Amino acid sequence: MRLGYNNLPLLHIYTLGEFLLLSYFFKSLLTKPVFLRTAFWYFVIAGSLFIIINSLFFQSVFGFNTFAKTFVQISIIGYAILYFYNLVENPLFSVAISKSIRLINSAILVYYSGSLFIFMCSNVYLKDMQVYVPFWAFNAFLNFIFQLLILIGLWKVFFKKTTL
């Protein structure tokens, strides 16, 4: 951006990658409801096509992809809520791994819920960026909390205390 290039096309690629990777992550965690197992990949393929078509035909790659980003964030929030439902119905993992995954899932839920309206309305506020600066600062704070909680969750899985 400092070189004068528009880096928003990277956001379009990032949105697709974010959707695919987090869908794959939650696919390994979600076992219920049963219809989800059969329809999951259809949903992921249809969602990916929507993101690609949105970037090619509806919203310019040089602007915010508010439709696709909103769809991805709502989908990921839905995955996170379904994971908590699955956790109550069917505990799959050991206690230590389960705590870490719950922490990571909570981080995902907090970040995506908090930043949903920021990205949903980002095209509206491009005309007067000074009004929108506090929202981006809040998004940066949420992103910091998100990264920190994921780091702590992964740390607890990979660097467990050993007892002699």
Protein backbone atom coordinates (compact mmCIF):
# COMPACT_ATOMS: atom_id res chain seq x y z
CA MET A 1 0.00 0.00 0.00
CA ARG A 2 2.85 2.39 0.77
CA LEU A 3 4.15 1.86 -2.76
CA GLY A 4 0.86 3.10 -4.15
CA TYR A 5 -0.59 -0.27 -5.12
CA ASN A 6 -4.07 -1.37 -4.18
CA ASN A 7 -3.78 -4.53 -2.09
CA LEU A 8 -7.50 -5.31 -1.92
CA PRO A 9 -7.24 -8.11 -4.52
CA LEU A 10 -5.33 -9.99 -1.81
CA LEU A 11 -8.38 -9.67 0.47
CA HIS A 12 -10.46 -11.52 -2.14
CA ILE A 13 -7.93 -14.36 -2.24
CA TYR A 14 -7.63 -14.33 1.56
CA THR A 15 -11.42 -14.57 1.95
CA LEU A 16 -11.57 -17.71 -0.20
CA GLY A 17 -8.62 -19.29 1.61
CA GLU A 18 -10.08 -18.38 4.99
CA PHE A 19 -13.38 -20.01 4.09
CA LEU A 20 -11.77 -23.20 2.75
CA LEU A 21 -9.28 -23.67 5.59
CA LEU A 22 -11.68 -22.96 8.44
CA SER A 23 -14.35 -25.12 6.79
CA TYR A 24 -11.87 -27.99 6.64
CA PHE A 25 -10.89 -27.36 10.29
CA PHE A 26 -14.49 -27.45 11.48
CA LYS A 27 -15.31 -30.46 9.26
CA SER A 28 -12.90 -32.48 11.39
CA LEU A 29 -14.68 -31.31 14.57
CA LEU A 30 -18.36 -31.43 13.64
CA THR A 31 -20.22 -34.72 13.79
CA LYS A 32 -23.79 -33.51 14.40
CA PRO A 33 -26.32 -32.74 13.02
CA VAL A 34 -26.26 -35.73 10.68
CA PHE A 35 -27.38 -33.80 7.60
CA LEU A 36 -24.27 -31.65 7.98
CA ARG A 37 -21.99 -34.60 7.24
CA THR A 38 -23.72 -35.31 3.94
CA ALA A 39 -24.25 -31.72 2.81
CA PHE A 40 -21.03 -30.18 4.13
CA TRP A 41 -18.92 -30.41 0.98
CA TYR A 42 -21.83 -29.19 -1.16
CA PHE A 43 -22.03 -26.15 1.09
CA VAL A 44 -18.26 -25.56 0.84
CA ILE A 45 -18.28 -25.87 -2.95
CA ALA A 46 -21.32 -23.59 -3.31
CA GLY A 47 -19.78 -21.07 -0.90
CA SER A 48 -16.48 -21.10 -2.79
CA LEU A 49 -18.29 -20.54 -6.07
CA PHE A 50 -20.22 -17.65 -4.53
CA ILE A 51 -16.97 -16.03 -3.36
CA ILE A 52 -15.34 -16.44 -6.77
CA ILE A 53 -18.40 -15.22 -8.71
CA ASN A 54 -18.76 -12.25 -6.35
CA SER A 55 -15.13 -11.25 -6.98
CA LEU A 56 -15.38 -11.69 -10.74
CA PHE A 57 -18.78 -10.18 -11.50
CA PHE A 58 -20.38 -8.27 -8.61
CA GLN A 59 -17.75 -6.48 -6.52
CA SER A 60 -14.52 -5.28 -8.04
CA VAL A 61 -11.32 -6.95 -6.87
CA PHE A 62 -10.03 -3.44 -6.20
CA GLY A 63 -12.74 -2.80 -3.60
CA PHE A 64 -13.91 -4.53 -0.44
CA ASN A 65 -15.71 -7.81 -1.00
CA THR A 66 -18.39 -7.11 1.58
CA PHE A 67 -20.86 -9.73 0.33
CA ALA A 68 -18.34 -12.57 0.31
CA LYS A 69 -16.68 -11.50 3.56
CA THR A 70 -20.07 -11.28 5.29
CA PHE A 71 -21.01 -14.73 3.99
CA VAL A 72 -17.72 -16.22 5.22
CA GLN A 73 -17.98 -14.62 8.64
CA ILE A 74 -21.58 -15.77 9.15
CA SER A 75 -20.58 -19.28 8.03
CA ILE A 76 -17.66 -19.42 10.44
CA ILE A 77 -19.80 -18.10 13.31
CA GLY A 78 -22.28 -20.87 12.45
CA TYR A 79 -19.48 -23.47 12.50
CA ALA A 80 -18.32 -22.21 15.91
CA ILE A 81 -21.82 -22.38 17.37
CA LEU A 82 -22.31 -25.88 15.94
CA TYR A 83 -19.02 -26.93 17.52
CA PHE A 84 -20.28 -25.90 20.95
CA TYR A 85 -23.47 -27.89 20.25
CA ASN A 86 -21.33 -30.91 19.27
CA LEU A 87 -19.20 -30.51 22.36
CA VAL A 88 -22.22 -30.87 24.61
CA GLU A 89 -23.63 -33.79 22.63
CA ASN A 90 -20.45 -35.74 21.91
CA PRO A 91 -17.11 -35.04 23.61
CA LEU A 92 -14.48 -36.43 21.22
CA PHE A 93 -11.13 -35.36 22.58
CA SER A 94 -9.07 -35.68 25.71
CA VAL A 95 -9.51 -33.03 28.38
CA ALA A 96 -6.34 -31.09 27.45
CA ILE A 97 -7.04 -31.04 23.72
CA SER A 98 -10.69 -30.26 24.33
CA LYS A 99 -9.78 -27.21 26.44
CA SER A 100 -7.45 -25.94 23.72
CA ILE A 101 -9.99 -26.42 20.96
CA ARG A 102 -12.65 -24.68 23.06
CA LEU A 103 -10.25 -21.76 23.54
CA ILE A 104 -9.51 -21.60 19.80
CA ASN A 105 -13.23 -21.88 18.99
CA SER A 106 -13.99 -19.07 21.45
CA ALA A 107 -11.32 -16.91 19.82
CA ILE A 108 -12.91 -17.55 16.42
CA LEU A 109 -16.36 -16.74 17.74
CA VAL A 110 -15.26 -13.50 19.43
CA TYR A 111 -13.23 -12.20 16.48
CA TYR A 112 -15.68 -13.05 13.72
CA SER A 113 -18.71 -11.84 15.68
CA GLY A 114 -16.98 -8.58 16.56
CA SER A 115 -15.67 -7.83 13.10
CA LEU A 116 -18.75 -8.95 11.14
CA PHE A 117 -20.36 -5.51 10.98
CA ILE A 118 -17.05 -3.77 10.37
CA PHE A 119 -16.46 -5.72 7.15
CA MET A 120 -20.16 -5.75 6.24
CA CYS A 121 -20.26 -1.94 6.15
CA SER A 122 -16.72 -1.26 4.92
CA ASN A 123 -17.78 -0.04 1.45
CA VAL A 124 -20.12 2.51 3.03
CA TYR A 125 -17.37 4.17 5.02
CA LEU A 126 -14.73 4.34 2.28
CA LYS A 127 -15.89 7.82 1.38
CA ASP A 128 -15.02 9.25 4.81
CA MET A 129 -12.20 7.16 6.27
CA GLN A 130 -11.72 9.42 9.32
CA VAL A 131 -15.09 8.31 10.68
CA TYR A 132 -14.13 4.66 10.19
CA VAL A 133 -10.70 4.73 11.89
CA PRO A 134 -12.01 3.75 15.36
CA PHE A 135 -13.73 0.73 13.84
CA TRP A 136 -10.48 -0.46 12.24
CA ALA A 137 -8.69 0.11 15.56
CA PHE A 138 -11.32 -2.06 17.27
CA ASN A 139 -10.83 -4.69 14.55
CA ALA A 140 -7.07 -4.62 15.16
CA PHE A 141 -7.67 -5.10 18.89
CA LEU A 142 -10.01 -8.03 18.21
CA ASN A 143 -7.44 -9.53 15.85
CA PHE A 144 -4.78 -9.25 18.57
CA ILE A 145 -7.05 -11.03 21.08
CA PHE A 146 -7.87 -13.64 18.42
CA GLN A 147 -4.20 -14.35 17.70
CA LEU A 148 -3.33 -14.41 21.41
CA LEU A 149 -6.07 -16.90 22.30
CA ILE A 150 -5.08 -19.17 19.42
CA LEU A 151 -1.45 -19.01 20.51
CA ILE A 152 -2.40 -19.95 24.08
CA GLY A 153 -4.61 -22.79 22.83
CA LEU A 154 -1.87 -24.20 20.62
CA TRP A 155 0.74 -23.69 23.33
CA LYS A 156 -1.31 -25.79 25.75
CA VAL A 157 -1.51 -28.66 23.25
CA PHE A 158 2.09 -28.72 22.08
CA PHE A 159 3.92 -27.71 25.27
CA LYS A 160 2.21 -29.74 27.97
CA LYS A 161 3.78 -29.98 31.40
CA THR A 162 5.27 -33.36 32.09
CA THR A 163 5.36 -34.95 35.49
CA LEU A 164 8.07 -37.27 36.70
